[in-house]
Amino acid sequence: MKTQVYSGYTFQHVSQFEHAQLLYCKELKMAICAAQSEYIPIAEFKKIFNAITALLSEYPTRYFLFDKRQLRTFHQPSMEWYFAVWKQEVKTLGLNHHYKILPELDWFSKAVEAGKQEIFQKYGKDVLSGIQVDYVNNEEEAINSITG
């Protein structure tokens, strides 16, 4: 099985999708979903994240990193589903600490902020109750925040 090392921790490649890959580190109980294309169609996006939910029983996960650096398209319906449906579901399974790496594109960060405000208007700010979201620049920064 392929592996990737970040900050001295070994992550196993546990799933490969058309537009993303999933890695897992048992020692940290951390999963990383790394986008591998500029756009992930919503049907594929849901397939990826539903597969991640299914993997939580096999791979106990306390921390989740979504690496969006390859994305060049912001898709609000995917973001809404991710926040309002997926994060709520995995929160009940014990996954409530999320990290995100955004592309180095000013407009993408602005679109994320505008999208969050739209979600808050529709679902209320409580949609993130019990969920911690931290934005980081790379995998090492997320790991260092976990390991102190």
C-alpha atoms as a PDB file:
ATOM      1  CA  MET A   1       0.000   0.000   0.000  1.00  0.00           C
ATOM      2  CA  LYS A   2       1.320   3.458  -0.906  1.00  0.00           C
ATOM      3  CA  THR A   3       2.237   5.795   1.909  1.00  0.00           C
ATOM      4  CA  GLN A   4       2.980   9.489   2.343  1.00  0.00           C
ATOM      5  CA  VAL A   5       4.952  11.006   5.242  1.00  0.00           C
ATOM      6  CA  TYR A   6       4.131  14.396   6.778  1.00  0.00           C
ATOM      7  CA  SER A   7       5.998  15.697   9.856  1.00  0.00           C
ATOM      8  CA  GLY A   8       7.339  12.205  10.499  1.00  0.00           C
ATOM      9  CA  TYR A   9       3.870  10.574  10.487  1.00  0.00           C
ATOM     10  CA  THR A  10       3.011   7.928   7.916  1.00  0.00           C
ATOM     11  CA  PHE A  11      -0.287   8.204   6.071  1.00  0.00           C
ATOM     12  CA  GLN A  12      -1.605   5.224   4.123  1.00  0.00           C
ATOM     13  CA  HIS A  13      -3.458   5.707   0.847  1.00  0.00           C
ATOM     14  CA  VAL A  14      -6.809   4.104   1.673  1.00  0.00           C
ATOM     15  CA  SER A  15      -8.970   5.180  -1.294  1.00  0.00           C
ATOM     16  CA  GLN A  16      -8.472   6.625  -4.727  1.00  0.00           C
ATOM     17  CA  PHE A  17     -11.317   8.426  -6.467  1.00  0.00           C
ATOM     18  CA  GLU A  18     -11.497  10.016  -9.890  1.00  0.00           C
ATOM     19  CA  HIS A  19     -10.967  13.526  -8.451  1.00  0.00           C
ATOM     20  CA  ALA A  20      -9.419  12.928  -5.024  1.00  0.00           C
ATOM     21  CA  GLN A  21      -7.450  10.578  -2.828  1.00  0.00           C
ATOM     22  CA  LEU A  22      -7.918   9.650   0.822  1.00  0.00           C
ATOM     23  CA  LEU A  23      -5.046   9.099   3.219  1.00  0.00           C
ATOM     24  CA  TYR A  24      -5.136   7.967   6.845  1.00  0.00           C
ATOM     25  CA  CYS A  25      -2.722   8.014   9.795  1.00  0.00           C
ATOM     26  CA  LYS A  26      -3.663   5.574  12.529  1.00  0.00           C
ATOM     27  CA  GLU A  27      -1.295   7.163  15.060  1.00  0.00           C
ATOM     28  CA  LEU A  28      -2.909  10.612  14.712  1.00  0.00           C
ATOM     29  CA  LYS A  29      -6.410   9.312  13.920  1.00  0.00           C
ATOM     30  CA  MET A  30      -6.322  11.766  11.037  1.00  0.00           C
ATOM     31  CA  ALA A  31      -7.672  11.494   7.508  1.00  0.00           C
ATOM     32  CA  ILE A  32      -6.695  13.676   4.566  1.00  0.00           C
ATOM     33  CA  CYS A  33      -8.834  14.097   1.486  1.00  0.00           C
ATOM     34  CA  ALA A  34      -6.751  15.718  -1.242  1.00  0.00           C
ATOM     35  CA  ALA A  35      -8.495  17.082  -4.323  1.00  0.00           C
ATOM     36  CA  GLN A  36      -6.637  16.072  -7.477  1.00  0.00           C
ATOM     37  CA  SER A  37      -8.446  18.076 -10.111  1.00  0.00           C
ATOM     38  CA  GLU A  38      -9.580  21.624 -10.732  1.00  0.00           C
ATOM     39  CA  TYR A  39     -13.258  20.743 -10.298  1.00  0.00           C
ATOM     40  CA  ILE A  40     -15.166  17.957  -8.579  1.00  0.00           C
ATOM     41  CA  PRO A  41     -18.705  17.450  -9.941  1.00  0.00           C
ATOM     42  CA  ILE A  42     -21.256  17.368  -7.123  1.00  0.00           C
ATOM     43  CA  ALA A  43     -22.219  13.717  -7.714  1.00  0.00           C
ATOM     44  CA  GLU A  44     -18.550  12.693  -7.417  1.00  0.00           C
ATOM     45  CA  PHE A  45     -18.080  15.053  -4.453  1.00  0.00           C
ATOM     46  CA  LYS A  46     -20.926  13.360  -2.576  1.00  0.00           C
ATOM     47  CA  LYS A  47     -19.605   9.928  -3.556  1.00  0.00           C
ATOM     48  CA  ILE A  48     -16.170  10.793  -2.109  1.00  0.00           C
ATOM     49  CA  PHE A  49     -17.503  12.176   1.151  1.00  0.00           C
ATOM     50  CA  ASN A  50     -20.085   9.417   1.628  1.00  0.00           C
ATOM     51  CA  ALA A  51     -17.234   6.932   1.152  1.00  0.00           C
ATOM     52  CA  ILE A  52     -15.268   8.802   3.822  1.00  0.00           C
ATOM     53  CA  THR A  53     -18.232   8.465   6.182  1.00  0.00           C
ATOM     54  CA  ALA A  54     -18.324   4.719   5.529  1.00  0.00           C
ATOM     55  CA  LEU A  55     -14.595   4.455   6.232  1.00  0.00           C
ATOM     56  CA  LEU A  56     -14.940   6.047   9.679  1.00  0.00           C
ATOM     57  CA  SER A  57     -16.008   2.719  11.182  1.00  0.00           C
ATOM     58  CA  GLU A  58     -12.848   1.057   9.861  1.00  0.00           C
ATOM     59  CA  TYR A  59     -10.551   4.046  10.435  1.00  0.00           C
ATOM     60  CA  PRO A  60     -11.430   5.876  13.687  1.00  0.00           C
ATOM     61  CA  THR A  61     -10.893   9.538  12.848  1.00  0.00           C
ATOM     62  CA  ARG A  62     -10.693  12.552  15.166  1.00  0.00           C
ATOM     63  CA  TYR A  63      -9.171  14.979  12.649  1.00  0.00           C
ATOM     64  CA  PHE A  64      -9.974  15.570   9.007  1.00  0.00           C
ATOM     65  CA  LEU A  65      -8.029  17.679   6.522  1.00  0.00           C
ATOM     66  CA  PHE A  66      -9.575  18.683   3.210  1.00  0.00           C
ATOM     67  CA  ASP A  67      -6.805  19.799   0.868  1.00  0.00           C
ATOM     68  CA  LYS A  68      -8.413  21.953  -1.815  1.00  0.00           C
ATOM     69  CA  ARG A  69      -5.209  23.373  -3.344  1.00  0.00           C
ATOM     70  CA  GLN A  70      -5.831  21.772  -6.756  1.00  0.00           C
ATOM     71  CA  LEU A  71      -9.360  23.186  -7.061  1.00  0.00           C
ATOM     72  CA  ARG A  72      -9.926  26.102  -9.409  1.00  0.00           C
ATOM     73  CA  THR A  73     -13.723  26.089  -9.300  1.00  0.00           C
ATOM     74  CA  PHE A  74     -15.809  27.031  -6.279  1.00  0.00           C
ATOM     75  CA  HIS A  75     -19.158  25.230  -6.249  1.00  0.00           C
ATOM     76  CA  GLN A  76     -21.665  26.550  -3.687  1.00  0.00           C
ATOM     77  CA  PRO A  77     -24.121  23.585  -3.788  1.00  0.00           C
ATOM     78  CA  SER A  78     -21.247  21.208  -2.931  1.00  0.00           C
ATOM     79  CA  MET A  79     -20.105  23.463  -0.094  1.00  0.00           C
ATOM     80  CA  GLU A  80     -23.641  23.704   1.270  1.00  0.00           C
ATOM     81  CA  TRP A  81     -24.078  19.922   1.262  1.00  0.00           C
ATOM     82  CA  TYR A  82     -20.611  19.511   2.851  1.00  0.00           C
ATOM     83  CA  PHE A  83     -21.489  21.905   5.706  1.00  0.00           C
ATOM     84  CA  ALA A  84     -25.183  21.242   6.274  1.00  0.00           C
ATOM     85  CA  VAL A  85     -25.330  17.480   5.667  1.00  0.00           C
ATOM     86  CA  TRP A  86     -21.930  15.760   5.689  1.00  0.00           C
ATOM     87  CA  LYS A  87     -20.307  17.585   8.605  1.00  0.00           C
ATOM     88  CA  GLN A  88     -23.444  17.053  10.697  1.00  0.00           C
ATOM     89  CA  GLU A  89     -23.391  13.328   9.972  1.00  0.00           C
ATOM     90  CA  VAL A  90     -19.710  12.794  10.777  1.00  0.00           C
ATOM     91  CA  LYS A  91     -20.008  14.934  13.910  1.00  0.00           C
ATOM     92  CA  THR A  92     -22.306  12.235  15.332  1.00  0.00           C
ATOM     93  CA  LEU A  93     -19.522   9.722  14.588  1.00  0.00           C
ATOM     94  CA  GLY A  94     -16.965  11.706  16.609  1.00  0.00           C
ATOM     95  CA  LEU A  95     -15.314  13.656  13.805  1.00  0.00           C
ATOM     96  CA  ASN A  96     -15.606  17.292  14.762  1.00  0.00           C
ATOM     97  CA  HIS A  97     -12.199  18.837  14.083  1.00  0.00           C
ATOM     98  CA  HIS A  98     -11.712  19.835  10.462  1.00  0.00           C
ATOM     99  CA  TYR A  99      -8.758  21.475   8.741  1.00  0.00           C
ATOM    100  CA  LYS A 100      -8.802  23.037   5.294  1.00  0.00           C
ATOM    101  CA  ILE A 101      -6.112  24.065   2.874  1.00  0.00           C
ATOM    102  CA  LEU A 102      -7.416  26.498   0.265  1.00  0.00           C
ATOM    103  CA  PRO A 103      -5.888  27.254  -3.122  1.00  0.00           C
ATOM    104  CA  GLU A 104      -3.655  30.322  -3.152  1.00  0.00           C
ATOM    105  CA  LEU A 105      -6.291  32.303  -5.046  1.00  0.00           C
ATOM    106  CA  ASP A 106      -7.739  35.440  -3.437  1.00  0.00           C
ATOM    107  CA  TRP A 107     -11.067  35.032  -5.226  1.00  0.00           C
ATOM    108  CA  PHE A 108     -11.429  31.442  -3.950  1.00  0.00           C
ATOM    109  CA  SER A 109     -11.031  32.544  -0.316  1.00  0.00           C
ATOM    110  CA  LYS A 110     -13.571  35.323  -0.886  1.00  0.00           C
ATOM    111  CA  ALA A 111     -15.990  32.853  -2.481  1.00  0.00           C
ATOM    112  CA  VAL A 112     -15.628  30.548   0.540  1.00  0.00           C
ATOM    113  CA  GLU A 113     -16.421  33.414   2.932  1.00  0.00           C
ATOM    114  CA  ALA A 114     -19.422  34.525   0.870  1.00  0.00           C
ATOM    115  CA  GLY A 115     -20.585  30.910   0.634  1.00  0.00           C
ATOM    116  CA  LYS A 116     -20.351  30.440   4.403  1.00  0.00           C
ATOM    117  CA  GLN A 117     -22.418  33.575   4.965  1.00  0.00           C
ATOM    118  CA  GLU A 118     -25.073  32.235   2.583  1.00  0.00           C
ATOM    119  CA  ILE A 119     -25.122  28.914   4.476  1.00  0.00           C
ATOM    120  CA  PHE A 120     -25.384  30.738   7.826  1.00  0.00           C
ATOM    121  CA  GLN A 121     -28.339  32.752   6.510  1.00  0.00           C
ATOM    122  CA  LYS A 122     -30.095  29.591   5.341  1.00  0.00           C
ATOM    123  CA  TYR A 123     -29.258  27.235   8.257  1.00  0.00           C
ATOM    124  CA  GLY A 124     -28.184  29.598  11.051  1.00  0.00           C
ATOM    125  CA  LYS A 125     -24.730  29.857  12.587  1.00  0.00           C
ATOM    126  CA  ASP A 126     -25.520  26.805  14.725  1.00  0.00           C
ATOM    127  CA  VAL A 127     -24.825  24.675  11.647  1.00  0.00           C
ATOM    128  CA  LEU A 128     -21.206  24.634  12.894  1.00  0.00           C
ATOM    129  CA  SER A 129     -22.078  24.057  16.541  1.00  0.00           C
ATOM    130  CA  GLY A 130     -19.722  21.460  17.977  1.00  0.00           C
ATOM    131  CA  ILE A 131     -17.492  21.565  14.895  1.00  0.00           C
ATOM    132  CA  GLN A 132     -14.080  23.212  14.831  1.00  0.00           C
ATOM    133  CA  VAL A 133     -12.763  24.380  11.459  1.00  0.00           C
ATOM    134  CA  ASP A 134      -9.196  25.617  11.088  1.00  0.00           C
ATOM    135  CA  TYR A 135      -7.597  26.906   7.909  1.00  0.00           C
ATOM    136  CA  VAL A 136      -3.961  25.896   7.466  1.00  0.00           C
ATOM    137  CA  ASN A 137      -1.324  26.337   4.768  1.00  0.00           C
ATOM    138  CA  ASN A 138      -0.160  22.712   4.592  1.00  0.00           C
ATOM    139  CA  GLU A 139      -0.429  19.265   6.154  1.00  0.00           C
ATOM    140  CA  GLU A 140       2.457  19.906   8.550  1.00  0.00           C
ATOM    141  CA  GLU A 141       0.705  22.941  10.058  1.00  0.00           C
ATOM    142  CA  ALA A 142      -2.395  20.839  10.801  1.00  0.00           C
ATOM    143  CA  ILE A 143      -0.301  18.040  12.306  1.00  0.00           C
ATOM    144  CA  ASN A 144       1.663  20.487  14.469  1.00  0.00           C
ATOM    145  CA  SER A 145      -1.597  21.909  15.808  1.00  0.00           C
ATOM    146  CA  ILE A 146      -2.683  18.374  16.782  1.00  0.00           C
ATOM    147  CA  THR A 147       0.601  17.279  18.316  1.00  0.00           C
ATOM    148  CA  GLY A 148       1.370  20.624  19.971  1.00  0.00           C
END
